[in-house]
N, C-alpha and C. Protein backbone atom coordinates (compact mmCIF):
# COMPACT_ATOMS: atom_id res chain seq x y z
N MET A 1 113.90 104.06 124.99
CA MET A 1 112.25 103.20 125.77
C MET A 1 113.05 103.21 126.97
N VAL A 2 112.57 102.63 128.13
CA VAL A 2 112.60 102.23 129.10
C VAL A 2 112.49 100.77 129.18
N VAL A 3 113.91 100.36 130.34
CA VAL A 3 114.06 98.69 129.99
C VAL A 3 113.17 98.33 130.89
N GLY A 4 112.90 97.10 130.58
CA GLY A 4 111.53 96.13 131.10
C GLY A 4 110.22 96.96 130.93
N SER A 5 110.16 98.03 130.49
CA SER A 5 108.62 98.34 130.13
C SER A 5 107.99 98.32 128.85
N SER A 6 107.01 98.38 128.68
CA SER A 6 106.18 98.80 127.14
C SER A 6 105.75 99.86 127.09
N HIS A 7 106.41 100.99 127.77
CA HIS A 7 106.13 102.30 127.12
C HIS A 7 107.09 102.58 125.94
N THR A 8 106.57 103.63 125.21
CA THR A 8 107.50 104.34 123.96
C THR A 8 107.71 105.42 123.92
N GLU A 9 108.68 106.06 123.98
CA GLU A 9 109.53 107.30 123.81
C GLU A 9 108.78 108.10 123.12
N PHE A 10 108.65 109.07 123.01
CA PHE A 10 108.19 110.13 121.97
C PHE A 10 108.65 111.91 122.66
N ALA A 11 108.53 112.64 121.82
CA ALA A 11 108.51 113.93 122.22
C ALA A 11 107.81 115.06 122.17
N VAL A 12 107.20 115.66 122.82
CA VAL A 12 106.33 116.93 123.24
C VAL A 12 107.18 118.09 122.42
N PHE A 13 106.70 118.91 121.51
CA PHE A 13 107.07 120.18 121.12
C PHE A 13 106.39 121.01 121.06
N THR A 14 106.17 122.49 121.77
CA THR A 14 105.37 123.49 121.97
C THR A 14 106.31 124.21 120.82
N TYR A 15 105.45 125.38 120.05
CA TYR A 15 105.81 125.91 119.26
C TYR A 15 105.28 127.13 118.88
N SER A 16 105.97 128.58 118.31
CA SER A 16 105.41 129.77 118.60
C SER A 16 105.01 130.16 117.14
N THR A 17 104.58 130.63 116.46
CA THR A 17 104.14 131.05 114.80
C THR A 17 104.15 132.49 115.30
N THR A 18 104.14 133.35 116.54
CA THR A 18 104.09 134.72 116.42
C THR A 18 104.58 135.85 115.54
N HIS A 19 105.59 135.15 115.51
CA HIS A 19 106.58 136.27 114.37
C HIS A 19 106.87 135.98 113.39
N LEU A 20 105.92 135.02 112.61
CA LEU A 20 105.15 134.69 111.37
C LEU A 20 104.37 136.24 111.12
N LYS A 21 104.42 136.37 110.16
CA LYS A 21 103.36 137.20 108.91
C LYS A 21 102.11 136.54 108.62
N TYR A 22 101.11 136.91 108.56
CA TYR A 22 99.78 136.12 108.35
C TYR A 22 99.90 135.50 107.18
N SER A 23 100.45 135.60 105.94
CA SER A 23 100.45 134.80 104.70
C SER A 23 101.67 133.77 105.45
N ASP A 24 102.86 134.01 105.76
CA ASP A 24 103.55 132.79 106.07
C ASP A 24 103.00 131.98 107.16
N LYS A 25 102.04 132.34 108.26
CA LYS A 25 101.15 131.40 108.94
C LYS A 25 100.75 130.34 108.14
N VAL A 26 99.95 130.83 107.28
CA VAL A 26 98.85 130.29 106.13
C VAL A 26 99.70 129.02 105.55
N ARG A 27 100.78 129.72 104.95
CA ARG A 27 102.30 128.53 104.51
C ARG A 27 102.05 127.81 105.67
N PHE A 28 102.52 127.94 107.02
CA PHE A 28 103.14 127.62 107.77
C PHE A 28 102.01 126.09 107.98
N TYR A 29 100.90 126.49 108.15
CA TYR A 29 99.78 125.74 108.58
C TYR A 29 99.38 124.81 107.53
N TYR A 30 100.00 124.65 106.25
CA TYR A 30 99.28 123.97 105.08
C TYR A 30 100.32 123.28 104.75
N ALA A 31 101.68 123.73 105.52
CA ALA A 31 103.40 122.47 105.69
C ALA A 31 102.93 121.23 106.62
N ILE A 32 101.79 122.10 107.51
CA ILE A 32 102.41 121.46 109.05
C ILE A 32 100.94 120.29 108.65
N LYS A 33 99.94 120.81 108.56
CA LYS A 33 98.58 120.04 107.96
C LYS A 33 97.92 119.48 106.66
N GLY A 34 99.10 119.91 106.15
CA GLY A 34 98.36 119.93 104.52
C GLY A 34 97.49 120.42 103.78
N ARG A 35 97.52 120.37 102.03
CA ARG A 35 96.36 121.34 101.54
C ARG A 35 96.44 120.35 100.25
N ASP A 36 94.72 120.77 99.66
CA ASP A 36 95.28 120.87 97.82
C ASP A 36 95.38 118.80 97.91
N GLY A 37 95.01 117.61 98.81
CA GLY A 37 94.75 116.74 98.46
C GLY A 37 96.62 116.30 98.66
N LYS A 38 97.70 117.06 99.32
CA LYS A 38 98.79 116.50 99.87
C LYS A 38 98.72 117.09 101.37
N SER A 39 99.80 115.82 101.71
CA SER A 39 99.38 115.34 103.43
C SER A 39 100.66 116.80 103.98
N GLY A 40 100.29 117.27 105.05
CA GLY A 40 101.31 118.01 105.60
C GLY A 40 101.96 117.09 106.91
N ILE A 41 102.97 117.46 107.48
CA ILE A 41 103.96 117.29 107.97
C ILE A 41 102.83 115.93 109.01
N ILE A 42 102.03 116.34 109.61
CA ILE A 42 101.95 115.95 110.58
C ILE A 42 101.21 114.11 109.84
N GLN A 43 100.34 114.66 108.78
CA GLN A 43 99.87 112.56 108.49
C GLN A 43 101.58 112.61 107.75
N ASP A 44 102.16 113.01 107.23
CA ASP A 44 102.70 112.14 106.96
C ASP A 44 103.89 111.32 108.01
N LEU A 45 104.13 112.11 109.21
CA LEU A 45 104.97 111.13 110.13
C LEU A 45 104.05 110.54 111.40
N LYS A 46 102.92 110.46 111.01
CA LYS A 46 101.58 109.88 111.64
C LYS A 46 101.79 110.89 113.75
N ILE A 47 101.73 112.02 113.64
CA ILE A 47 102.02 113.01 114.65
C ILE A 47 100.79 113.37 115.34
N GLU A 48 100.60 113.02 116.14
CA GLU A 48 99.01 113.57 117.24
C GLU A 48 99.39 115.23 117.63
N GLN A 49 98.78 115.73 117.43
CA GLN A 49 98.29 117.27 117.47
C GLN A 49 97.55 117.30 118.48
N LEU A 50 98.70 117.73 119.64
CA LEU A 50 97.41 117.83 121.70
C LEU A 50 96.95 119.11 121.76
N GLY A 51 97.42 119.87 120.95
CA GLY A 51 96.64 121.53 121.04
C GLY A 51 96.75 122.18 119.71
N ARG A 52 96.48 123.74 119.23
CA ARG A 52 96.82 123.48 118.62
C ARG A 52 98.45 124.33 118.12
N THR A 53 99.36 124.64 119.40
CA THR A 53 100.92 124.21 119.06
C THR A 53 101.55 123.62 119.69
N ALA A 54 101.01 122.17 119.90
CA ALA A 54 101.26 121.18 120.83
C ALA A 54 101.37 119.51 119.61
N LEU A 55 102.49 119.04 119.50
CA LEU A 55 102.61 118.63 118.82
C LEU A 55 103.05 117.16 120.06
N LEU A 56 102.53 115.73 119.60
CA LEU A 56 103.28 114.42 120.03
C LEU A 56 103.95 114.12 119.30
N VAL A 57 105.54 113.39 119.14
CA VAL A 57 106.09 113.13 117.92
C VAL A 57 106.99 111.74 118.47
N LYS A 58 106.60 110.68 117.52
CA LYS A 58 107.64 109.56 118.08
C LYS A 58 109.15 109.57 117.80
N LYS A 59 109.74 109.23 119.10
CA LYS A 59 111.65 109.45 119.06
C LYS A 59 112.23 109.50 117.92
N GLN A 60 111.25 108.35 116.81
CA GLN A 60 112.64 108.61 115.34
C GLN A 60 112.23 109.44 114.37
N HIS A 61 111.09 110.25 114.85
CA HIS A 61 110.73 111.60 113.84
C HIS A 61 110.69 112.92 114.28
N ALA A 62 111.64 112.67 115.76
CA ALA A 62 111.64 114.35 116.25
C ALA A 62 112.76 115.25 115.93
N ASN A 63 113.72 114.55 115.03
CA ASN A 63 114.96 115.61 114.92
C ASN A 63 114.38 116.02 113.52
N THR A 64 113.53 115.15 112.64
CA THR A 64 112.71 116.11 111.93
C THR A 64 111.65 116.94 112.19
N VAL A 65 111.05 117.26 112.90
CA VAL A 65 110.47 117.71 113.73
C VAL A 65 110.92 118.92 114.02
N GLU A 66 112.06 118.91 114.55
CA GLU A 66 112.88 120.05 114.66
C GLU A 66 113.53 120.57 113.33
N ALA A 67 113.85 119.98 112.61
CA ALA A 67 114.29 120.76 111.75
C ALA A 67 113.37 121.72 110.64
N PHE A 68 112.30 120.44 110.55
CA PHE A 68 111.05 121.40 110.10
C PHE A 68 110.70 123.13 111.15
N LEU A 69 110.82 122.66 112.22
CA LEU A 69 110.66 124.13 113.01
C LEU A 69 111.91 125.24 113.11
N LYS A 70 112.84 124.38 112.97
CA LYS A 70 114.09 125.88 112.64
C LYS A 70 113.92 126.28 111.02
N GLN A 71 113.39 125.40 110.37
CA GLN A 71 113.60 126.17 108.93
C GLN A 71 112.59 127.40 109.18
N TRP A 72 110.97 127.00 109.52
CA TRP A 72 110.39 128.36 109.65
C TRP A 72 110.84 129.38 110.57
N LYS A 73 111.72 129.03 111.46
CA LYS A 73 112.29 129.80 112.85
C LYS A 73 111.44 130.06 113.74
N CYS A 74 110.59 128.66 114.06
CA CYS A 74 109.75 128.95 115.58
C CYS A 74 110.29 128.55 116.12
N SER A 75 110.13 129.41 117.56
CA SER A 75 110.49 128.90 119.21
C SER A 75 109.86 127.73 119.21
N TYR A 76 110.48 126.72 119.90
CA TYR A 76 110.16 126.19 120.37
C TYR A 76 110.36 125.03 121.25
N THR A 77 109.87 124.43 122.32
CA THR A 77 110.52 123.10 123.31
C THR A 77 110.61 122.12 122.81
N ARG A 78 111.02 121.36 123.31
CA ARG A 78 111.14 119.85 122.85
C ARG A 78 111.24 118.82 124.25
N ARG A 79 110.54 118.44 124.66
CA ARG A 79 110.34 117.42 125.72
C ARG A 79 110.19 115.88 125.28
N ALA A 80 110.93 114.96 126.42
CA ALA A 80 110.80 113.85 126.52
C ALA A 80 109.97 112.93 127.45
N VAL A 81 108.83 112.40 126.69
CA VAL A 81 107.70 111.80 127.33
C VAL A 81 107.46 110.54 126.99
N TRP A 82 106.81 109.30 128.00
CA TRP A 82 107.03 108.15 127.40
C TRP A 82 105.66 107.88 127.82
N LYS A 83 104.93 107.13 126.78
CA LYS A 83 103.46 106.82 126.51
C LYS A 83 103.17 105.35 126.85
């Protein structure tokens, strides 16, 4: 957090799923968005999806999202932003 400011630190993740087979992409999207009444990581961590492969994540959840993307072997970038 920026001292003397009301801004909150977030991380923006952009990732790629091009390495995944179609069936694995489906499983990945179920894990990220949820399915059959089960919530995905986006709902669980209150993540804002900025686009198809871009996520705005609160700083305290950034390491969890990073581990999730590593588990799926997704290439990604992580940038710190303030909002």
